[in-house]
Amino acid sequence: MLSKDKINRINELSKRSKTTGLSKEEQLEQQKLRKEYIQTFRGAFKNQLHSVKVVDENGDDVTPEALKKSKDTYKGFTH
């Protein structure tokens, strides 16, 4: 999870870019913060997907094979 300060800074830079514009340094900072935010979001989303198990109305596991393979690969990296 990204810190509240970083999220506030992303929002501040976004507002300023729409009104007064950003300096080169601020543009680079904005790009860096956005990249960090996206990486954090994708990581959290991937973790959430790896905790999903799809079950049909009969109680049978129908989790897509691609997700099962991804879970196995993911587990391999954490051990």
PDB file of N, CA and C in Angstrom:
ATOM      1  N   MET A   1       0.844  -1.179   0.000  1.00  0.00           N
ATOM      2  CA  MET A   1       0.000   0.000   0.000  1.00  0.00           C
ATOM      3  C   MET A   1       0.891   1.244   0.000  1.00  0.00           C
ATOM      4  N   LEU A   2       0.524   2.187  -0.804  1.00  0.00           N
ATOM      5  CA  LEU A   2       1.255   3.444  -0.893  1.00  0.00           C
ATOM      6  C   LEU A   2       0.887   4.324   0.302  1.00  0.00           C
ATOM      7  N   SER A   3       1.835   5.051   0.812  1.00  0.00           N
ATOM      8  CA  SER A   3       1.571   5.900   1.975  1.00  0.00           C
ATOM      9  C   SER A   3       0.597   7.024   1.620  1.00  0.00           C
ATOM     10  N   LYS A   4      -0.108   7.479   2.616  1.00  0.00           N
ATOM     11  CA  LYS A   4      -1.074   8.564   2.431  1.00  0.00           C
ATOM     12  C   LYS A   4      -0.371   9.815   1.896  1.00  0.00           C
ATOM     13  N   ASP A   5       0.844  10.071   2.362  1.00  0.00           N
ATOM     14  CA  ASP A   5       1.604  11.242   1.901  1.00  0.00           C
ATOM     15  C   ASP A   5       1.884  11.173   0.398  1.00  0.00           C
ATOM     16  N   LYS A   6       2.246   9.990  -0.083  1.00  0.00           N
ATOM     17  CA  LYS A   6       2.540   9.842  -1.509  1.00  0.00           C
ATOM     18  C   LYS A   6       1.272  10.003  -2.343  1.00  0.00           C
ATOM     19  N   ILE A   7       0.168   9.444  -1.878  1.00  0.00           N
ATOM     20  CA  ILE A   7      -1.107   9.598  -2.591  1.00  0.00           C
ATOM     21  C   ILE A   7      -1.518  11.060  -2.630  1.00  0.00           C
ATOM     22  N   ASN A   8      -1.369  11.753  -1.505  1.00  0.00           N
ATOM     23  CA  ASN A   8      -1.683  13.184  -1.469  1.00  0.00           C
ATOM     24  C   ASN A   8      -0.796  13.962  -2.430  1.00  0.00           C
ATOM     25  N   ARG A   9       0.473  13.581  -2.517  1.00  0.00           N
ATOM     26  CA  ARG A   9       1.400  14.265  -3.426  1.00  0.00           C
ATOM     27  C   ARG A   9       1.011  14.007  -4.891  1.00  0.00           C
ATOM     28  N   ILE A  10       0.610  12.781  -5.201  1.00  0.00           N
ATOM     29  CA  ILE A  10       0.141  12.467  -6.563  1.00  0.00           C
ATOM     30  C   ILE A  10      -1.039  13.363  -6.913  1.00  0.00           C
ATOM     31  N   ASN A  11      -1.982  13.468  -6.002  1.00  0.00           N
ATOM     32  CA  ASN A  11      -3.169  14.294  -6.247  1.00  0.00           C
ATOM     33  C   ASN A  11      -2.815  15.774  -6.378  1.00  0.00           C
ATOM     34  N   GLU A  12      -1.904  16.230  -5.543  1.00  0.00           N
ATOM     35  CA  GLU A  12      -1.473  17.633  -5.601  1.00  0.00           C
ATOM     36  C   GLU A  12      -0.819  17.946  -6.948  1.00  0.00           C
ATOM     37  N   LEU A  13       0.071  17.068  -7.391  1.00  0.00           N
ATOM     38  CA  LEU A  13       0.745  17.285  -8.666  1.00  0.00           C
ATOM     39  C   LEU A  13      -0.246  17.212  -9.825  1.00  0.00           C
ATOM     40  N   SER A  14      -1.215  16.338  -9.723  1.00  0.00           N
ATOM     41  CA  SER A  14      -2.228  16.228 -10.775  1.00  0.00           C
ATOM     42  C   SER A  14      -3.037  17.510 -10.893  1.00  0.00           C
ATOM     43  N   LYS A  15      -3.454  18.052  -9.764  1.00  0.00           N
ATOM     44  CA  LYS A  15      -4.229  19.304  -9.765  1.00  0.00           C
ATOM     45  C   LYS A  15      -3.402  20.455 -10.336  1.00  0.00           C
ATOM     46  N   ARG A  16      -2.141  20.516  -9.896  1.00  0.00           N
ATOM     47  CA  ARG A  16      -1.278  21.600 -10.371  1.00  0.00           C
ATOM     48  C   ARG A  16      -0.981  21.481 -11.854  1.00  0.00           C
ATOM     49  N   SER A  17      -0.864  20.242 -12.350  1.00  0.00           N
ATOM     50  CA  SER A  17      -0.575  20.072 -13.776  1.00  0.00           C
ATOM     51  C   SER A  17      -1.739  20.566 -14.631  1.00  0.00           C
ATOM     52  N   LYS A  18      -2.937  20.520 -14.083  1.00  0.00           N
ATOM     53  CA  LYS A  18      -4.129  20.980 -14.816  1.00  0.00           C
ATOM     54  C   LYS A  18      -4.327  22.483 -14.730  1.00  0.00           C
ATOM     55  N   THR A  19      -3.735  23.103 -13.725  1.00  0.00           N
ATOM     56  CA  THR A  19      -3.941  24.549 -13.538  1.00  0.00           C
ATOM     57  C   THR A  19      -2.716  25.349 -13.957  1.00  0.00           C
ATOM     58  N   THR A  20      -1.669  25.307 -13.156  1.00  0.00           N
ATOM     59  CA  THR A  20      -0.500  26.155 -13.406  1.00  0.00           C
ATOM     60  C   THR A  20       0.608  25.465 -14.188  1.00  0.00           C
ATOM     61  N   GLY A  21       0.548  24.145 -14.279  1.00  0.00           N
ATOM     62  CA  GLY A  21       1.610  23.400 -14.951  1.00  0.00           C
ATOM     63  C   GLY A  21       2.684  22.978 -13.970  1.00  0.00           C
ATOM     64  N   LEU A  22       3.537  22.064 -14.414  1.00  0.00           N
ATOM     65  CA  LEU A  22       4.586  21.518 -13.557  1.00  0.00           C
ATOM     66  C   LEU A  22       5.962  21.808 -14.150  1.00  0.00           C
ATOM     67  N   SER A  23       6.928  21.955 -13.258  1.00  0.00           N
ATOM     68  CA  SER A  23       8.310  22.086 -13.708  1.00  0.00           C
ATOM     69  C   SER A  23       8.794  20.714 -14.168  1.00  0.00           C
ATOM     70  N   LYS A  24       9.951  20.680 -14.801  1.00  0.00           N
ATOM     71  CA  LYS A  24      10.530  19.414 -15.252  1.00  0.00           C
ATOM     72  C   LYS A  24      10.736  18.453 -14.081  1.00  0.00           C
ATOM     73  N   GLU A  25      11.226  18.989 -12.964  1.00  0.00           N
ATOM     74  CA  GLU A  25      11.471  18.157 -11.784  1.00  0.00           C
ATOM     75  C   GLU A  25      10.159  17.577 -11.253  1.00  0.00           C
ATOM     76  N   GLU A  26       9.116  18.389 -11.248  1.00  0.00           N
ATOM     77  CA  GLU A  26       7.819  17.929 -10.762  1.00  0.00           C
ATOM     78  C   GLU A  26       7.210  16.900 -11.717  1.00  0.00           C
ATOM     79  N   GLN A  27       7.433  17.069 -13.009  1.00  0.00           N
ATOM     80  CA  GLN A  27       6.944  16.095 -13.977  1.00  0.00           C
ATOM     81  C   GLN A  27       7.610  14.736 -13.756  1.00  0.00           C
ATOM     82  N   LEU A  28       8.922  14.764 -13.504  1.00  0.00           N
ATOM     83  CA  LEU A  28       9.653  13.524 -13.237  1.00  0.00           C
ATOM     84  C   LEU A  28       9.174  12.878 -11.939  1.00  0.00           C
ATOM     85  N   GLU A  29       8.947  13.708 -10.923  1.00  0.00           N
ATOM     86  CA  GLU A  29       8.433  13.203  -9.645  1.00  0.00           C
ATOM     87  C   GLU A  29       7.058  12.565  -9.845  1.00  0.00           C
ATOM     88  N   GLN A  30       6.209  13.228 -10.641  1.00  0.00           N
ATOM     89  CA  GLN A  30       4.864  12.714 -10.901  1.00  0.00           C
ATOM     90  C   GLN A  30       4.942  11.356 -11.610  1.00  0.00           C
ATOM     91  N   GLN A  31       5.806  11.249 -12.595  1.00  0.00           N
ATOM     92  CA  GLN A  31       5.973   9.985 -13.320  1.00  0.00           C
ATOM     93  C   GLN A  31       6.442   8.874 -12.384  1.00  0.00           C
ATOM     94  N   LYS A  32       7.407   9.203 -11.521  1.00  0.00           N
ATOM     95  CA  LYS A  32       7.945   8.223 -10.584  1.00  0.00           C
ATOM     96  C   LYS A  32       6.862   7.761  -9.608  1.00  0.00           C
ATOM     97  N   LEU A  33       6.089   8.700  -9.073  1.00  0.00           N
ATOM     98  CA  LEU A  33       5.030   8.351  -8.123  1.00  0.00           C
ATOM     99  C   LEU A  33       3.924   7.531  -8.791  1.00  0.00           C
ATOM    100  N   ARG A  34       3.571   7.887 -10.007  1.00  0.00           N
ATOM    101  CA  ARG A  34       2.539   7.135 -10.734  1.00  0.00           C
ATOM    102  C   ARG A  34       3.003   5.703 -10.996  1.00  0.00           C
ATOM    103  N   LYS A  35       4.270   5.566 -11.388  1.00  0.00           N
ATOM    104  CA  LYS A  35       4.820   4.237 -11.648  1.00  0.00           C
ATOM    105  C   LYS A  35       4.793   3.395 -10.375  1.00  0.00           C
ATOM    106  N   GLU A  36       5.180   3.983  -9.266  1.00  0.00           N
ATOM    107  CA  GLU A  36       5.157   3.279  -7.986  1.00  0.00           C
ATOM    108  C   GLU A  36       3.729   2.882  -7.600  1.00  0.00           C
ATOM    109  N   TYR A  37       2.780   3.786  -7.840  1.00  0.00           N
ATOM    110  CA  TYR A  37       1.378   3.513  -7.533  1.00  0.00           C
ATOM    111  C   TYR A  37       0.866   2.337  -8.365  1.00  0.00           C
ATOM    112  N   ILE A  38       1.159   2.339  -9.653  1.00  0.00           N
ATOM    113  CA  ILE A  38       0.709   1.271 -10.546  1.00  0.00           C
ATOM    114  C   ILE A  38       1.318  -0.070 -10.133  1.00  0.00           C
ATOM    115  N   GLN A  39       2.603  -0.084  -9.803  1.00  0.00           N
ATOM    116  CA  GLN A  39       3.251  -1.323  -9.377  1.00  0.00           C
ATOM    117  C   GLN A  39       2.611  -1.856  -8.099  1.00  0.00           C
ATOM    118  N   THR A  40       2.322  -0.968  -7.160  1.00  0.00           N
ATOM    119  CA  THR A  40       1.694  -1.365  -5.906  1.00  0.00           C
ATOM    120  C   THR A  40       0.291  -1.904  -6.167  1.00  0.00           C
ATOM    121  N   PHE A  41      -0.467  -1.215  -7.020  1.00  0.00           N
ATOM    122  CA  PHE A  41      -1.823  -1.644  -7.345  1.00  0.00           C
ATOM    123  C   PHE A  41      -1.820  -3.023  -8.009  1.00  0.00           C
ATOM    124  N   ARG A  42      -0.942  -3.201  -8.988  1.00  0.00           N
ATOM    125  CA  ARG A  42      -0.877  -4.479  -9.701  1.00  0.00           C
ATOM    126  C   ARG A  42      -0.477  -5.618  -8.765  1.00  0.00           C
ATOM    127  N   GLY A  43       0.462  -5.360  -7.876  1.00  0.00           N
ATOM    128  CA  GLY A  43       0.882  -6.379  -6.916  1.00  0.00           C
ATOM    129  C   GLY A  43      -0.254  -6.786  -5.996  1.00  0.00           C
ATOM    130  N   ALA A  44      -0.993  -5.800  -5.491  1.00  0.00           N
ATOM    131  CA  ALA A  44      -2.122  -6.093  -4.609  1.00  0.00           C
ATOM    132  C   ALA A  44      -3.213  -6.844  -5.361  1.00  0.00           C
ATOM    133  N   PHE A  45      -3.458  -6.458  -6.608  1.00  0.00           N
ATOM    134  CA  PHE A  45      -4.481  -7.123  -7.413  1.00  0.00           C
ATOM    135  C   PHE A  45      -4.090  -8.571  -7.698  1.00  0.00           C
ATOM    136  N   LYS A  46      -2.821  -8.776  -8.010  1.00  0.00           N
ATOM    137  CA  LYS A  46      -2.334 -10.125  -8.275  1.00  0.00           C
ATOM    138  C   LYS A  46      -2.462 -10.998  -7.024  1.00  0.00           C
ATOM    139  N   ASN A  47      -2.131 -10.444  -5.860  1.00  0.00           N
ATOM    140  CA  ASN A  47      -2.289 -11.181  -4.609  1.00  0.00           C
ATOM    141  C   ASN A  47      -3.749 -11.558  -4.387  1.00  0.00           C
ATOM    142  N   GLN A  48      -4.638 -10.641  -4.674  1.00  0.00           N
ATOM    143  CA  GLN A  48      -6.059 -10.901  -4.502  1.00  0.00           C
ATOM    144  C   GLN A  48      -6.522 -12.008  -5.459  1.00  0.00           C
ATOM    145  N   LEU A  49      -6.086 -11.957  -6.708  1.00  0.00           N
ATOM    146  CA  LEU A  49      -6.462 -12.995  -7.672  1.00  0.00           C
ATOM    147  C   LEU A  49      -5.953 -14.370  -7.250  1.00  0.00           C
ATOM    148  N   HIS A  50      -4.773 -14.409  -6.673  1.00  0.00           N
ATOM    149  CA  HIS A  50      -4.202 -15.692  -6.269  1.00  0.00           C
ATOM    150  C   HIS A  50      -4.924 -16.302  -5.074  1.00  0.00           C
ATOM    151  N   SER A  51      -5.788 -15.554  -4.438  1.00  0.00           N
ATOM    152  CA  SER A  51      -6.562 -16.111  -3.326  1.00  0.00           C
ATOM    153  C   SER A  51      -7.946 -16.558  -3.779  1.00  0.00           C
ATOM    154  N   VAL A  52      -8.238 -16.450  -5.083  1.00  0.00           N
ATOM    155  CA  VAL A  52      -9.558 -16.792  -5.616  1.00  0.00           C
ATOM    156  C   VAL A  52      -9.604 -18.259  -6.031  1.00  0.00           C
ATOM    157  N   LYS A  53     -10.707 -18.897  -5.695  1.00  0.00           N
ATOM    158  CA  LYS A  53     -10.998 -20.251  -6.160  1.00  0.00           C
ATOM    159  C   LYS A  53     -12.414 -20.213  -6.718  1.00  0.00           C
ATOM    160  N   VAL A  54     -12.578 -20.629  -7.965  1.00  0.00           N
ATOM    161  CA  VAL A  54     -13.883 -20.591  -8.618  1.00  0.00           C
ATOM    162  C   VAL A  54     -14.545 -21.956  -8.451  1.00  0.00           C
ATOM    163  N   VAL A  55     -15.775 -21.947  -7.904  1.00  0.00           N
ATOM    164  CA  VAL A  55     -16.513 -23.180  -7.645  1.00  0.00           C
ATOM    165  C   VAL A  55     -17.874 -23.068  -8.317  1.00  0.00           C
ATOM    166  N   ASP A  56     -18.276 -24.130  -9.031  1.00  0.00           N
ATOM    167  CA  ASP A  56     -19.592 -24.108  -9.674  1.00  0.00           C
ATOM    168  C   ASP A  56     -20.691 -24.481  -8.676  1.00  0.00           C
ATOM    169  N   GLU A  57     -21.930 -24.535  -9.152  1.00  0.00           N
ATOM    170  CA  GLU A  57     -23.069 -24.791  -8.265  1.00  0.00           C
ATOM    171  C   GLU A  57     -23.042 -26.196  -7.669  1.00  0.00           C
ATOM    172  N   ASN A  58     -22.274 -27.121  -8.245  1.00  0.00           N
ATOM    173  CA  ASN A  58     -22.147 -28.484  -7.719  1.00  0.00           C
ATOM    174  C   ASN A  58     -21.006 -28.599  -6.706  1.00  0.00           C
ATOM    175  N   GLY A  59     -20.265 -27.517  -6.511  1.00  0.00           N
ATOM    176  CA  GLY A  59     -19.149 -27.534  -5.575  1.00  0.00           C
ATOM    177  C   GLY A  59     -17.836 -27.975  -6.200  1.00  0.00           C
ATOM    178  N   ASP A  60     -17.818 -28.114  -7.525  1.00  0.00           N
ATOM    179  CA  ASP A  60     -16.598 -28.528  -8.221  1.00  0.00           C
ATOM    180  C   ASP A  60     -15.708 -27.309  -8.495  1.00  0.00           C
ATOM    181  N   ASP A  61     -14.410 -27.539  -8.337  1.00  0.00           N
ATOM    182  CA  ASP A  61     -13.434 -26.479  -8.609  1.00  0.00           C
ATOM    183  C   ASP A  61     -13.339 -26.278 -10.119  1.00  0.00           C
ATOM    184  N   VAL A  62     -13.708 -25.096 -10.589  1.00  0.00           N
ATOM    185  CA  VAL A  62     -13.636 -24.768 -12.017  1.00  0.00           C
ATOM    186  C   VAL A  62     -12.726 -23.553 -12.253  1.00  0.00           C
ATOM    187  N   THR A  63     -11.744 -23.414 -11.386  1.00  0.00           N
ATOM    188  CA  THR A  63     -10.788 -22.321 -11.524  1.00  0.00           C
ATOM    189  C   THR A  63     -10.066 -22.463 -12.856  1.00  0.00           C
ATOM    190  N   PRO A  64      -9.975 -21.389 -13.643  1.00  0.00           N
ATOM    191  CA  PRO A  64      -9.285 -21.467 -14.939  1.00  0.00           C
ATOM    192  C   PRO A  64      -7.847 -21.967 -14.780  1.00  0.00           C
ATOM    193  N   GLU A  65      -7.419 -22.781 -15.746  1.00  0.00           N
ATOM    194  CA  GLU A  65      -6.070 -23.361 -15.706  1.00  0.00           C
ATOM    195  C   GLU A  65      -4.980 -22.287 -15.639  1.00  0.00           C
ATOM    196  N   ALA A  66      -5.183 -21.199 -16.355  1.00  0.00           N
ATOM    197  CA  ALA A  66      -4.179 -20.131 -16.351  1.00  0.00           C
ATOM    198  C   ALA A  66      -3.985 -19.575 -14.940  1.00  0.00           C
ATOM    199  N   LEU A  67      -5.071 -19.447 -14.194  1.00  0.00           N
ATOM    200  CA  LEU A  67      -4.968 -18.947 -12.825  1.00  0.00           C
ATOM    201  C   LEU A  67      -4.296 -19.974 -11.927  1.00  0.00           C
ATOM    202  N   LYS A  68      -4.613 -21.247 -12.116  1.00  0.00           N
ATOM    203  CA  LYS A  68      -3.968 -22.304 -11.323  1.00  0.00           C
ATOM    204  C   LYS A  68      -2.458 -22.307 -11.563  1.00  0.00           C
ATOM    205  N   LYS A  69      -2.059 -22.198 -12.830  1.00  0.00           N
ATOM    206  CA  LYS A  69      -0.634 -22.177 -13.164  1.00  0.00           C
ATOM    207  C   LYS A  69       0.045 -20.948 -12.559  1.00  0.00           C
ATOM    208  N   SER A  70      -0.644 -19.820 -12.623  1.00  0.00           N
ATOM    209  CA  SER A  70      -0.096 -18.594 -12.060  1.00  0.00           C
ATOM    210  C   SER A  70       0.087 -18.717 -10.554  1.00  0.00           C
ATOM    211  N   LYS A  71      -0.883 -19.352  -9.896  1.00  0.00           N
ATOM    212  CA  LYS A  71      -0.773 -19.564  -8.447  1.00  0.00           C
ATOM    213  C   LYS A  71       0.429 -20.427  -8.121  1.00  0.00           C
ATOM    214  N   ASP A  72       0.631 -21.508  -8.891  1.00  0.00           N
ATOM    215  CA  ASP A  72       1.770 -22.396  -8.656  1.00  0.00           C
ATOM    216  C   ASP A  72       3.091 -21.657  -8.844  1.00  0.00           C
ATOM    217  N   THR A  73       3.176 -20.875  -9.910  1.00  0.00           N
ATOM    218  CA  THR A  73       4.377 -20.088 -10.171  1.00  0.00           C
ATOM    219  C   THR A  73       4.604 -19.072  -9.063  1.00  0.00           C
ATOM    220  N   TYR A  74       3.544 -18.416  -8.662  1.00  0.00           N
ATOM    221  CA  TYR A  74       3.621 -17.388  -7.621  1.00  0.00           C
ATOM    222  C   TYR A  74       4.089 -17.994  -6.302  1.00  0.00           C
ATOM    223  N   LYS A  75       3.544 -19.151  -5.963  1.00  0.00           N
ATOM    224  CA  LYS A  75       3.960 -19.838  -4.726  1.00  0.00           C
ATOM    225  C   LYS A  75       5.431 -20.178  -4.775  1.00  0.00           C
ATOM    226  N   GLY A  76       5.912 -20.537  -5.963  1.00  0.00           N
ATOM    227  CA  GLY A  76       7.314 -20.884  -6.112  1.00  0.00           C
ATOM    228  C   GLY A  76       8.238 -19.715  -5.806  1.00  0.00           C
ATOM    229  N   PHE A  77       7.781 -18.486  -6.093  1.00  0.00           N
ATOM    230  CA  PHE A  77       8.609 -17.309  -5.841  1.00  0.00           C
ATOM    231  C   PHE A  77       8.605 -16.902  -4.381  1.00  0.00           C
ATOM    232  N   THR A  78       7.573 -17.270  -3.631  1.00  0.00           N
ATOM    233  CA  THR A  78       7.482 -16.803  -2.250  1.00  0.00           C
ATOM    234  C   THR A  78       8.195 -17.717  -1.278  1.00  0.00           C
ATOM    235  N   HIS A  79       8.548 -18.948  -1.685  1.00  0.00           N
ATOM    236  CA  HIS A  79       9.188 -19.890  -0.767  1.00  0.00           C
ATOM    237  C   HIS A  79      10.678 -19.872  -0.906  1.00  0.00           C
TER     238      HIS A  79
END
